[in-house]
Amino acid sequence: MRGRRLLPIIAFCALMGAGVGNCAPLRLKPHIVNDPELGVEAFRLLIPADWSVEGGVVWRANPTRPATVSMRVFNPNGIEQIGVVPDIQCVWAPTLPAFGFRPGSYYLGAEVRTAVADAVTALRTIVLPRYSAQLADAHIVMQGDLPALAQAWAAANYPGVTQARFSAGKIRIEYSVKGVPAEMDIYGVMGGWTYPLQGVPMTNWSVECIRYSRAPKGKLDDQFKLFQAMAYSERLNIQWLNRYSQVKNMMVQQQIEASNRAVELSRYLSRVNDHISATIRQSYETRQAALERANANFDRYIRGVDRYQDPFKGAAVELPSGHHNVWANASGEYILSDDANFNPNLGSNRSWRQLQH
């Protein structure tokens, strides 16, 4: 939920296998995701201008991770879809069943279940079965580990947890959507750590960063550039992080009971201070820097982004790779194309300048 850098509006040739001769621009626009519970923007990202969005920030009764994201961005005229589903927080101790917390129940907002071996196993045995009702006749055709992603995710999100173990991976499935053969890549990161609690080993573990990309069979690899561009464009709002951190700390300290959680949370939110403390700011900046490294490591894995210098901003931007001609204007828009004859200044009332790597 997992911010990243925000890129403004982008236009570039369709990523679904279009060639130079039949290149049709695909416009990406910023989409703001608001959190109605905290009353502020949570994050923003780029989406195709003609795609639709459903979902957003979801709050739940989990003191250590009270907010998550459930959202899909999809082509209303096709089956293409990119999205994120809620992370799965779990806990296990040998004594929990004896106290009435059997596997499948909830303890302090976390699912009671024994930890699995790695991220790929979690995707196969937990994530995929959880959503299998929506994936008719789905079967796994590929799987693999992503150790660089696991290391980067741990550094970005758990910098103070030194004894935890993390793994990352993906699976690819094939199934049918509206009678059309489709493929979907599902990504996830698994992390966990064990500590003694009154002499009993307690394990907290989770499956996080659960994202997916779906396209017609044979088109999924081409869509990966769009998947990556959207992920790179995500930008967390520091005001939201500030409020969320205060609420989470309050929930951890007080362990709000289900019967009065809504009332107490409402009272607390009315007193939330918008002042950003030095600790929150440092945490935010450290996380942003770590996510920069995470994206760089992921980029080396998928090799789908090029870096350009934007003269209007005086800063670098990262855009989908594989395009020879890139322009920008003072309004923060970008155009990417492989068509040597395409000139955005023709018939435009805006001044476009070509960018260099």
Protein backbone atom coordinates (compact mmCIF):
# COMPACT_ATOMS: atom_id res chain seq x y z
CA MET A 1 0.00 0.00 0.00
CA ARG A 2 1.75 -0.34 -0.90
CA GLY A 3 4.23 6.01 -1.99
CA ARG A 4 6.35 6.23 -4.96
CA ARG A 5 7.19 8.97 -7.44
CA LEU A 6 4.38 10.72 -9.23
CA LEU A 7 4.64 11.28 -12.96
CA PRO A 8 2.14 13.71 -14.52
CA ILE A 9 0.07 12.94 -17.62
CA ILE A 10 1.84 10.68 -20.11
CA ALA A 11 0.94 9.80 -23.67
CA PHE A 12 2.75 7.00 -25.49
CA CYS A 13 2.20 4.37 -28.18
CA ALA A 14 -0.09 1.52 -27.19
CA LEU A 15 1.78 -1.14 -25.27
CA MET A 16 -0.33 -4.02 -26.52
CA GLY A 17 1.99 -4.96 -29.37
CA ALA A 18 1.34 -1.96 -31.65
CA GLY A 19 4.00 -1.29 -34.23
CA VAL A 20 5.30 2.00 -35.58
CA GLY A 21 2.93 1.96 -38.51
CA ASN A 22 -0.25 1.64 -36.49
CA CYS A 23 0.90 3.49 -33.39
CA ALA A 24 -2.02 4.89 -31.38
CA PRO A 25 -1.22 7.11 -28.37
CA LEU A 26 -2.34 5.88 -24.98
CA ARG A 27 -2.87 8.74 -22.57
CA LEU A 28 -2.19 8.33 -18.86
CA LYS A 29 -3.72 10.77 -16.39
CA PRO A 30 -3.23 11.25 -12.64
CA HIS A 31 -5.82 9.57 -10.43
CA ILE A 32 -6.18 10.67 -6.81
CA VAL A 33 -7.22 8.12 -4.20
CA ASN A 34 -8.83 9.82 -1.20
CA ASP A 35 -9.27 8.28 2.23
CA PRO A 36 -12.76 9.25 3.45
CA GLU A 37 -11.94 8.07 6.97
CA LEU A 38 -9.05 10.50 7.40
CA GLY A 39 -10.47 13.13 5.05
CA VAL A 40 -7.31 13.59 2.94
CA GLU A 41 -5.69 12.28 -0.22
CA ALA A 42 -3.96 8.98 0.52
CA PHE A 43 -1.95 8.57 -2.67
CA ARG A 44 -2.09 9.16 -6.40
CA LEU A 45 -0.96 7.29 -9.48
CA LEU A 46 -1.19 7.31 -13.26
CA ILE A 47 -3.91 5.38 -15.07
CA PRO A 48 -4.91 5.18 -18.75
CA ALA A 49 -7.29 8.05 -19.45
CA ASP A 50 -9.96 5.79 -20.96
CA TRP A 51 -9.81 3.12 -18.22
CA SER A 52 -12.02 2.94 -15.13
CA VAL A 53 -11.18 2.65 -11.43
CA GLU A 54 -12.92 0.84 -8.59
CA GLY A 55 -11.93 0.63 -4.94
CA GLY A 56 -9.42 2.50 -2.81
CA VAL A 57 -8.32 2.65 0.84
CA VAL A 58 -9.97 0.07 3.11
CA TRP A 59 -9.96 0.26 6.91
CA ARG A 60 -10.22 -2.83 9.09
CA ALA A 61 -9.99 -3.96 12.72
CA ASN A 62 -6.26 -4.69 12.73
CA PRO A 63 -4.33 -2.46 15.15
CA THR A 64 -0.92 -3.04 13.56
CA ARG A 65 -2.12 -2.54 9.96
CA PRO A 66 -5.51 -0.80 10.15
CA ALA A 67 -5.57 0.42 6.54
CA THR A 68 -4.92 -1.37 3.26
CA VAL A 69 -5.79 -0.96 -0.42
CA SER A 70 -8.22 -2.86 -2.61
CA MET A 71 -8.38 -1.35 -6.09
CA ARG A 72 -8.57 -2.30 -9.73
CA VAL A 73 -7.89 -0.22 -12.85
CA PHE A 74 -9.47 -1.76 -15.91
CA ASN A 75 -10.33 -1.30 -19.57
CA PRO A 76 -14.16 -1.08 -19.75
CA ASN A 77 -14.04 -2.15 -23.39
CA GLY A 78 -11.77 -5.16 -22.92
CA ILE A 79 -10.40 -7.57 -20.33
CA GLU A 80 -7.16 -5.72 -19.50
CA GLN A 81 -6.87 -5.01 -15.79
CA ILE A 82 -4.22 -4.00 -13.24
CA GLY A 83 -4.86 -3.96 -9.53
CA VAL A 84 -3.92 -4.54 -5.91
CA VAL A 85 -5.71 -6.61 -3.27
CA PRO A 86 -5.50 -6.26 0.53
CA ASP A 87 -2.44 -7.58 2.29
CA ILE A 88 -3.02 -10.61 4.51
CA GLN A 89 -1.85 -10.22 8.12
CA CYS A 90 -1.40 -13.49 10.04
CA VAL A 91 -0.35 -14.66 13.50
CA TRP A 92 0.46 -18.02 15.01
CA ALA A 93 1.37 -19.43 18.41
CA PRO A 94 1.05 -23.05 19.59
CA THR A 95 -1.22 -21.97 22.46
CA LEU A 96 -3.74 -19.97 20.43
CA PRO A 97 -6.06 -22.91 19.58
CA ALA A 98 -6.28 -23.81 23.26
CA PHE A 99 -7.62 -20.34 23.99
CA GLY A 100 -10.29 -20.60 21.31
CA PHE A 101 -8.36 -19.04 18.42
CA ARG A 102 -8.41 -21.86 15.92
CA PRO A 103 -6.87 -21.67 12.42
CA GLY A 104 -9.02 -19.44 10.27
CA SER A 105 -10.21 -17.28 13.18
CA TYR A 106 -8.89 -13.81 14.06
CA TYR A 107 -6.65 -12.74 16.91
CA LEU A 108 -6.21 -8.96 17.37
CA GLY A 109 -7.27 -8.46 13.76
CA ALA A 110 -4.83 -10.98 12.26
CA GLU A 111 -5.71 -14.35 10.75
CA VAL A 112 -4.67 -17.33 12.84
CA ARG A 113 -2.68 -19.67 10.62
CA THR A 114 0.77 -21.27 10.55
CA ALA A 115 3.35 -19.59 8.35
CA VAL A 116 4.12 -21.01 4.91
CA ALA A 117 7.58 -21.51 3.44
CA ASP A 118 7.87 -18.59 0.99
CA ALA A 119 6.04 -16.04 -1.15
CA VAL A 120 5.39 -18.39 -4.07
CA THR A 121 3.81 -20.92 -1.71
CA ALA A 122 1.69 -18.14 -0.19
CA LEU A 123 0.49 -17.06 -3.63
CA ARG A 124 -0.38 -20.64 -4.58
CA THR A 125 -2.00 -21.78 -1.34
CA ILE A 126 -3.51 -18.61 0.14
CA VAL A 127 -3.89 -15.76 -2.35
CA LEU A 128 -5.00 -17.73 -5.40
CA PRO A 129 -7.56 -19.94 -3.57
CA ARG A 130 -8.98 -16.83 -1.87
CA TYR A 131 -9.95 -15.35 -5.22
CA SER A 132 -10.41 -18.57 -7.21
CA ALA A 133 -14.19 -18.09 -7.39
CA GLN A 134 -13.54 -15.15 -9.73
CA LEU A 135 -10.98 -17.09 -11.82
CA ALA A 136 -12.88 -19.82 -13.59
CA ASP A 137 -10.69 -22.77 -14.71
CA ALA A 138 -7.51 -20.95 -13.64
CA HIS A 139 -4.30 -22.98 -13.66
CA ILE A 140 -0.71 -22.01 -12.93
CA VAL A 141 1.64 -22.04 -15.91
CA MET A 142 4.70 -20.30 -14.44
CA GLN A 143 6.20 -19.32 -11.08
CA GLY A 144 9.44 -17.84 -9.79
CA ASP A 145 11.21 -16.13 -6.90
CA LEU A 146 12.11 -12.41 -6.88
CA PRO A 147 14.84 -12.10 -4.21
CA ALA A 148 15.81 -8.52 -5.15
CA LEU A 149 12.22 -7.37 -4.67
CA ALA A 150 12.07 -9.07 -1.26
CA GLN A 151 15.24 -7.36 -0.10
CA ALA A 152 14.11 -3.95 -1.34
CA TRP A 153 10.63 -4.31 0.19
CA ALA A 154 12.08 -5.23 3.58
CA ALA A 155 14.44 -2.25 3.53
CA ALA A 156 11.64 0.14 2.57
CA ASN A 157 8.92 -1.06 4.94
CA TYR A 158 10.68 -2.82 7.84
CA PRO A 159 13.98 -0.97 8.36
CA GLY A 160 14.05 -1.67 12.11
CA VAL A 161 13.15 -5.37 11.97
CA THR A 162 16.49 -7.18 11.92
CA GLN A 163 15.47 -10.79 12.56
CA ALA A 164 12.66 -11.07 10.03
CA ARG A 165 12.73 -13.24 6.92
CA PHE A 166 11.33 -12.03 3.61
CA SER A 167 10.74 -13.58 0.21
CA ALA A 168 9.04 -12.37 -2.96
CA GLY A 169 7.72 -14.14 -6.01
CA LYS A 170 5.17 -14.29 -8.78
CA ILE A 171 2.92 -16.81 -10.42
CA ARG A 172 1.32 -16.67 -13.85
CA ILE A 173 -2.08 -18.21 -14.41
CA GLU A 174 -4.20 -18.84 -17.48
CA TYR A 175 -7.98 -18.80 -17.49
CA SER A 176 -10.95 -17.51 -19.46
CA VAL A 177 -12.57 -14.07 -19.10
CA LYS A 178 -15.84 -13.47 -20.95
CA GLY A 179 -14.90 -16.30 -23.28
CA VAL A 180 -11.49 -14.76 -24.05
CA PRO A 181 -8.30 -16.69 -23.13
CA ALA A 182 -6.43 -14.57 -20.59
CA GLU A 183 -3.21 -14.53 -18.59
CA MET A 184 -2.55 -12.95 -15.20
CA ASP A 185 0.68 -12.32 -13.30
CA ILE A 186 0.27 -12.17 -9.51
CA TYR A 187 3.07 -10.73 -7.35
CA GLY A 188 3.53 -10.86 -3.59
CA VAL A 189 6.02 -10.41 -0.75
CA MET A 190 5.97 -12.60 2.36
CA GLY A 191 7.61 -11.55 5.60
CA GLY A 192 7.58 -12.86 9.15
CA TRP A 193 9.38 -12.95 12.46
CA THR A 194 9.10 -14.95 15.70
CA TYR A 195 9.55 -13.66 19.26
CA PRO A 196 8.90 -15.09 22.73
CA LEU A 197 5.71 -14.03 24.52
CA GLN A 198 5.56 -15.29 28.09
CA GLY A 199 7.74 -18.21 27.10
CA VAL A 200 5.66 -19.09 24.02
CA PRO A 201 7.00 -18.46 20.47
CA MET A 202 4.69 -16.00 18.71
CA THR A 203 5.00 -15.59 14.94
CA ASN A 204 3.69 -12.56 13.07
CA TRP A 205 3.79 -12.91 9.31
CA SER A 206 2.02 -11.47 6.30
CA VAL A 207 1.59 -11.55 2.54
CA GLU A 208 1.98 -8.02 1.21
CA CYS A 209 2.42 -6.08 -2.03
CA ILE A 210 -0.16 -8.34 -3.70
CA ARG A 211 -0.51 -6.88 -7.18
CA TYR A 212 -1.67 -8.34 -10.45
CA SER A 213 -1.79 -7.62 -14.16
CA ARG A 214 -4.27 -9.27 -16.56
CA ALA A 215 -4.38 -9.20 -20.36
CA PRO A 216 -5.48 -11.37 -23.27
CA LYS A 217 -3.26 -14.41 -23.69
CA GLY A 218 -0.07 -13.44 -25.52
CA LYS A 219 -0.38 -9.74 -24.58
CA LEU A 220 0.57 -9.85 -20.91
CA ASP A 221 4.31 -9.27 -21.38
CA ASP A 222 3.58 -6.19 -23.50
CA GLN A 223 1.28 -4.85 -20.78
CA PHE A 224 4.07 -5.13 -18.20
CA LYS A 225 5.42 -1.71 -19.20
CA LEU A 226 2.07 -0.17 -18.33
CA PHE A 227 1.99 -2.14 -15.07
CA GLN A 228 5.42 -0.80 -14.21
CA ALA A 229 4.64 2.79 -15.21
CA MET A 230 1.63 2.79 -12.89
CA ALA A 231 3.67 1.33 -10.03
CA TYR A 232 6.45 3.89 -10.54
CA SER A 233 3.94 6.74 -10.53
CA GLU A 234 2.43 5.94 -7.12
CA ARG A 235 3.03 8.75 -4.65
CA LEU A 236 2.05 8.59 -0.98
CA ASN A 237 0.71 11.77 0.64
CA ILE A 238 2.76 12.71 3.71
CA GLN A 239 -0.30 14.30 5.35
CA TRP A 240 -2.11 10.97 5.11
CA LEU A 241 0.93 9.11 6.45
CA ASN A 242 1.09 11.53 9.36
CA ARG A 243 -2.57 11.00 10.31
CA TYR A 244 -2.45 7.26 9.67
CA SER A 245 0.62 6.85 11.90
CA GLN A 246 -1.11 8.63 14.78
CA VAL A 247 -4.25 6.53 14.40
CA LYS A 248 -2.29 3.28 14.17
CA ASN A 249 -0.26 4.11 17.28
CA MET A 250 -3.43 4.90 19.16
CA MET A 251 -5.01 1.60 18.11
CA VAL A 252 -1.93 -0.39 19.10
CA GLN A 253 -1.75 1.27 22.52
CA GLN A 254 -5.41 1.07 23.41
CA GLN A 255 -6.52 -2.07 21.53
CA ILE A 256 -9.91 -0.60 20.75
CA GLU A 257 -12.77 -2.99 21.38
CA ALA A 258 -15.03 -3.75 18.42
CA SER A 259 -18.09 -2.36 20.19
CA ASN A 260 -16.67 1.14 20.66
CA ARG A 261 -14.03 1.35 17.93
CA ALA A 262 -16.09 3.52 15.60
CA VAL A 263 -16.95 6.05 18.35
CA GLU A 264 -13.46 6.31 19.80
CA LEU A 265 -11.82 6.51 16.38
CA SER A 266 -14.19 9.30 15.33
CA ARG A 267 -13.35 11.30 18.47
CA TYR A 268 -9.65 10.78 17.96
CA LEU A 269 -9.69 11.80 14.29
CA SER A 270 -11.27 15.13 15.26
CA ARG A 271 -8.18 15.84 17.37
CA VAL A 272 -5.54 14.64 14.90
CA ASN A 273 -2.81 17.24 14.57
CA ASP A 274 -1.85 18.15 11.01
CA HIS A 275 1.60 19.20 12.19
CA ILE A 276 4.18 16.86 10.70
CA SER A 277 6.66 15.92 13.40
CA ALA A 278 10.35 15.54 12.65
CA THR A 279 10.05 11.79 13.29
CA ILE A 280 7.20 11.39 10.79
CA ARG A 281 9.05 13.46 8.20
CA GLN A 282 12.26 11.49 8.64
CA SER A 283 10.32 8.22 8.39
CA TYR A 284 8.63 9.48 5.24
CA GLU A 285 11.90 10.58 3.60
CA THR A 286 13.67 7.36 4.59
CA ARG A 287 10.83 5.30 3.15
CA GLN A 288 10.82 7.31 -0.08
CA ALA A 289 14.57 6.83 -0.49
CA ALA A 290 14.26 3.11 0.17
CA LEU A 291 11.41 2.83 -2.34
CA GLU A 292 13.59 4.60 -4.90
CA ARG A 293 16.11 1.81 -4.43
CA ALA A 294 13.33 -0.78 -4.51
CA ASN A 295 12.09 0.54 -7.84
CA ALA A 296 15.64 0.59 -9.20
CA ASN A 297 16.13 -3.07 -8.23
CA PHE A 298 12.80 -4.01 -9.73
CA ASP A 299 13.72 -2.07 -12.88
CA ARG A 300 16.84 -4.19 -13.30
CA TYR A 301 14.58 -7.22 -13.17
CA ILE A 302 12.04 -6.12 -15.73
CA ARG A 303 14.07 -3.54 -17.70
CA GLY A 304 11.12 -1.46 -18.75
CA VAL A 305 11.85 2.17 -17.77
CA ASP A 306 14.14 4.88 -19.16
CA ARG A 307 15.27 8.01 -17.33
CA TYR A 308 14.87 11.45 -18.93
CA GLN A 309 15.76 15.00 -17.91
CA ASP A 310 12.73 17.31 -17.79
CA PRO A 311 13.89 20.90 -18.47
CA PHE A 312 10.61 22.35 -17.18
CA LYS A 313 10.99 20.70 -13.78
CA GLY A 314 14.76 20.66 -13.59
CA ALA A 315 14.55 17.05 -12.47
CA ALA A 316 14.64 13.54 -13.87
CA VAL A 317 11.54 11.51 -14.70
CA GLU A 318 11.18 7.79 -15.46
CA LEU A 319 8.97 6.78 -18.36
CA PRO A 320 8.26 3.47 -20.14
CA SER A 321 11.23 2.36 -22.22
CA GLY A 322 11.37 1.43 -25.87
CA HIS A 323 10.41 4.81 -27.36
CA HIS A 324 12.79 6.90 -29.48
CA ASN A 325 11.00 10.25 -29.27
CA VAL A 326 9.88 11.86 -26.02
CA TRP A 327 8.44 15.35 -25.48
CA ALA A 328 7.29 17.38 -22.48
CA ASN A 329 5.48 20.66 -21.93
CA ALA A 330 5.28 23.18 -19.11
CA SER A 331 1.94 21.75 -17.94
CA GLY A 332 3.60 18.50 -16.86
CA GLU A 333 2.44 16.36 -19.79
CA TYR A 334 4.58 13.85 -21.67
CA ILE A 335 4.29 12.21 -25.07
CA LEU A 336 6.23 9.08 -26.06
CA SER A 337 6.20 7.70 -29.58
CA ASP A 338 8.22 5.61 -32.01
CA ASP A 339 6.68 7.38 -35.01
CA ALA A 340 9.38 9.60 -36.50
CA ASN A 341 6.73 11.71 -38.25
CA PHE A 342 4.72 12.39 -35.10
CA ASN A 343 5.14 16.00 -33.88
CA PRO A 344 2.98 17.11 -30.93
CA ASN A 345 3.52 20.78 -31.81
CA LEU A 346 1.49 20.41 -35.00
CA GLY A 347 -2.07 21.50 -34.31
CA SER A 348 -1.36 22.08 -30.61
CA ASN A 349 -1.68 25.27 -28.61
CA ARG A 350 1.04 24.10 -26.23
CA SER A 351 4.78 24.19 -26.72
CA TRP A 352 6.41 20.75 -26.58
CA ARG A 353 10.16 20.18 -26.11
CA GLN A 354 11.95 16.96 -26.89
CA LEU A 355 13.67 15.27 -23.93
CA GLN A 356 17.04 13.57 -23.72
CA HIS A 357 17.99 10.47 -21.77
